[in-house]
């Protein structure tokens, strides 16, 4: 919660409707402006093989 109320901090958000449901995401965007929000993902879909990211 500190990341939402402290203006100097950025808030990472996983907006996938699993970690954060849509209504909670809207609430978080109201608390933390878009400039201090970071959308992240915990998923990556790559086929078989060796990949460099």
N, C-alpha and C. Protein backbone atom coordinates (compact mmCIF):
# COMPACT_ATOMS: atom_id res chain seq x y z
N UNK A 1 0.81 -1.20 0.00
CA UNK A 1 0.00 0.00 0.00
C UNK A 1 0.85 1.27 0.00
N UNK A 2 2.06 1.21 0.57
CA UNK A 2 2.90 2.40 0.60
C UNK A 2 3.17 2.93 -0.79
N UNK A 3 3.32 2.04 -1.76
CA UNK A 3 3.59 2.49 -3.14
C UNK A 3 2.42 3.27 -3.72
N UNK A 4 1.22 3.01 -3.24
CA UNK A 4 0.05 3.73 -3.75
C UNK A 4 -0.10 5.11 -3.12
N UNK A 5 0.28 5.26 -1.88
CA UNK A 5 0.06 6.54 -1.21
C UNK A 5 1.27 7.47 -1.26
N UNK A 6 2.45 6.92 -1.51
CA UNK A 6 3.66 7.75 -1.58
C UNK A 6 3.89 8.20 -3.02
N UNK A 7 3.80 9.49 -3.28
CA UNK A 7 3.90 10.04 -4.63
C UNK A 7 5.26 9.84 -5.28
N UNK A 8 6.32 9.68 -4.50
CA UNK A 8 7.66 9.51 -5.07
C UNK A 8 7.90 8.11 -5.63
N UNK A 9 7.07 7.16 -5.24
CA UNK A 9 7.27 5.76 -5.61
C UNK A 9 6.40 5.37 -6.80
N UNK A 10 6.91 4.43 -7.59
CA UNK A 10 6.16 3.86 -8.71
C UNK A 10 5.48 2.58 -8.24
N UNK A 11 4.35 2.25 -8.85
CA UNK A 11 3.61 1.05 -8.48
C UNK A 11 3.58 0.07 -9.64
N UNK A 12 4.20 -1.11 -9.49
CA UNK A 12 4.11 -2.13 -10.55
C UNK A 12 2.78 -2.88 -10.41
N UNK A 13 2.07 -3.02 -11.53
CA UNK A 13 0.75 -3.64 -11.52
C UNK A 13 0.70 -4.75 -12.57
N UNK A 14 0.26 -5.94 -12.16
CA UNK A 14 0.03 -7.03 -13.10
C UNK A 14 -1.46 -7.01 -13.42
N UNK A 15 -1.79 -6.42 -14.56
CA UNK A 15 -3.19 -6.18 -14.94
C UNK A 15 -3.69 -7.30 -15.85
N UNK A 16 -3.88 -8.49 -15.27
CA UNK A 16 -4.29 -9.63 -16.09
C UNK A 16 -5.62 -10.25 -15.64
N UNK A 17 -6.32 -9.59 -14.75
CA UNK A 17 -7.60 -10.05 -14.20
C UNK A 17 -7.44 -11.33 -13.38
N UNK A 18 -6.20 -11.74 -13.14
CA UNK A 18 -5.93 -12.86 -12.23
C UNK A 18 -5.27 -12.31 -10.96
N UNK A 19 -4.21 -11.55 -11.14
CA UNK A 19 -3.54 -10.93 -10.00
C UNK A 19 -4.32 -9.71 -9.51
N UNK A 20 -4.82 -8.94 -10.44
CA UNK A 20 -5.64 -7.76 -10.11
C UNK A 20 -6.91 -7.80 -10.94
N UNK A 21 -8.03 -7.78 -10.27
CA UNK A 21 -9.29 -7.71 -10.99
C UNK A 21 -9.52 -6.28 -11.45
N UNK A 22 -10.36 -6.11 -12.46
CA UNK A 22 -10.57 -4.82 -13.11
C UNK A 22 -10.97 -3.73 -12.11
N UNK A 23 -11.85 -4.03 -11.18
CA UNK A 23 -12.28 -3.00 -10.22
C UNK A 23 -11.14 -2.57 -9.30
N UNK A 24 -10.26 -3.50 -8.93
CA UNK A 24 -9.10 -3.14 -8.10
C UNK A 24 -8.10 -2.33 -8.89
N UNK A 25 -7.91 -2.67 -10.17
CA UNK A 25 -7.00 -1.91 -11.02
C UNK A 25 -7.48 -0.46 -11.16
N UNK A 26 -8.78 -0.27 -11.36
CA UNK A 26 -9.35 1.08 -11.45
C UNK A 26 -9.10 1.85 -10.15
N UNK A 27 -9.28 1.18 -9.03
CA UNK A 27 -9.04 1.82 -7.73
C UNK A 27 -7.58 2.22 -7.59
N UNK A 28 -6.67 1.36 -8.02
CA UNK A 28 -5.24 1.66 -7.92
C UNK A 28 -4.86 2.83 -8.84
N UNK A 29 -5.45 2.90 -10.03
CA UNK A 29 -5.18 4.02 -10.92
C UNK A 29 -5.71 5.33 -10.35
N UNK A 30 -6.77 5.26 -9.57
CA UNK A 30 -7.27 6.48 -8.91
C UNK A 30 -6.31 6.93 -7.81
N UNK A 31 -5.71 5.97 -7.13
CA UNK A 31 -4.78 6.30 -6.05
C UNK A 31 -3.41 6.70 -6.57
N UNK A 32 -2.99 6.09 -7.68
CA UNK A 32 -1.65 6.33 -8.24
C UNK A 32 -1.83 6.76 -9.68
N UNK A 33 -1.36 7.95 -10.02
CA UNK A 33 -1.55 8.44 -11.39
C UNK A 33 -0.83 7.55 -12.40
N UNK A 34 -1.24 7.66 -13.64
CA UNK A 34 -0.71 6.81 -14.71
C UNK A 34 0.80 6.98 -14.89
N UNK A 35 1.31 8.17 -14.61
CA UNK A 35 2.74 8.44 -14.75
C UNK A 35 3.58 7.67 -13.74
N UNK A 36 2.97 7.23 -12.65
CA UNK A 36 3.70 6.50 -11.62
C UNK A 36 3.25 5.04 -11.51
N UNK A 37 2.61 4.54 -12.57
CA UNK A 37 2.17 3.15 -12.62
C UNK A 37 2.98 2.42 -13.69
N UNK A 38 3.36 1.19 -13.39
CA UNK A 38 4.11 0.37 -14.33
C UNK A 38 3.33 -0.92 -14.54
N UNK A 39 2.90 -1.16 -15.77
CA UNK A 39 2.21 -2.41 -16.08
C UNK A 39 3.25 -3.48 -16.39
N UNK A 40 3.13 -4.60 -15.72
CA UNK A 40 4.08 -5.70 -15.90
C UNK A 40 3.32 -7.00 -16.16
N UNK A 41 4.04 -7.99 -16.64
CA UNK A 41 3.47 -9.31 -16.89
C UNK A 41 4.36 -10.36 -16.25
N UNK A 42 3.74 -11.42 -15.78
CA UNK A 42 4.51 -12.53 -15.23
C UNK A 42 4.47 -13.73 -16.17
N UNK A 43 4.09 -13.48 -17.40
CA UNK A 43 3.94 -14.56 -18.35
C UNK A 43 4.64 -14.23 -19.66
N UNK A 44 5.19 -15.26 -20.26
CA UNK A 44 5.79 -15.11 -21.58
C UNK A 44 5.54 -16.41 -22.34
N UNK A 45 5.14 -16.30 -23.57
CA UNK A 45 4.81 -17.50 -24.36
C UNK A 45 5.78 -17.61 -25.52
N UNK A 46 6.78 -18.44 -25.35
CA UNK A 46 7.74 -18.71 -26.41
C UNK A 46 7.71 -20.20 -26.71
N UNK A 47 7.90 -20.54 -27.94
CA UNK A 47 7.92 -21.95 -28.33
C UNK A 47 9.18 -22.63 -27.84
N UNK A 48 9.30 -23.93 -28.10
CA UNK A 48 10.48 -24.68 -27.69
C UNK A 48 11.75 -24.10 -28.30
N UNK A 49 12.83 -24.21 -27.61
CA UNK A 49 14.12 -23.75 -28.13
C UNK A 49 14.85 -22.89 -27.12
N UNK A 50 15.96 -22.34 -27.55
CA UNK A 50 16.76 -21.46 -26.72
C UNK A 50 16.50 -20.02 -27.14
N UNK A 51 16.17 -19.19 -26.19
CA UNK A 51 15.81 -17.80 -26.47
C UNK A 51 16.65 -16.85 -25.63
N UNK A 52 17.01 -15.74 -26.21
CA UNK A 52 17.69 -14.66 -25.48
C UNK A 52 16.72 -13.50 -25.39
N UNK A 53 16.56 -12.99 -24.22
CA UNK A 53 15.66 -11.85 -24.01
C UNK A 53 16.46 -10.70 -23.45
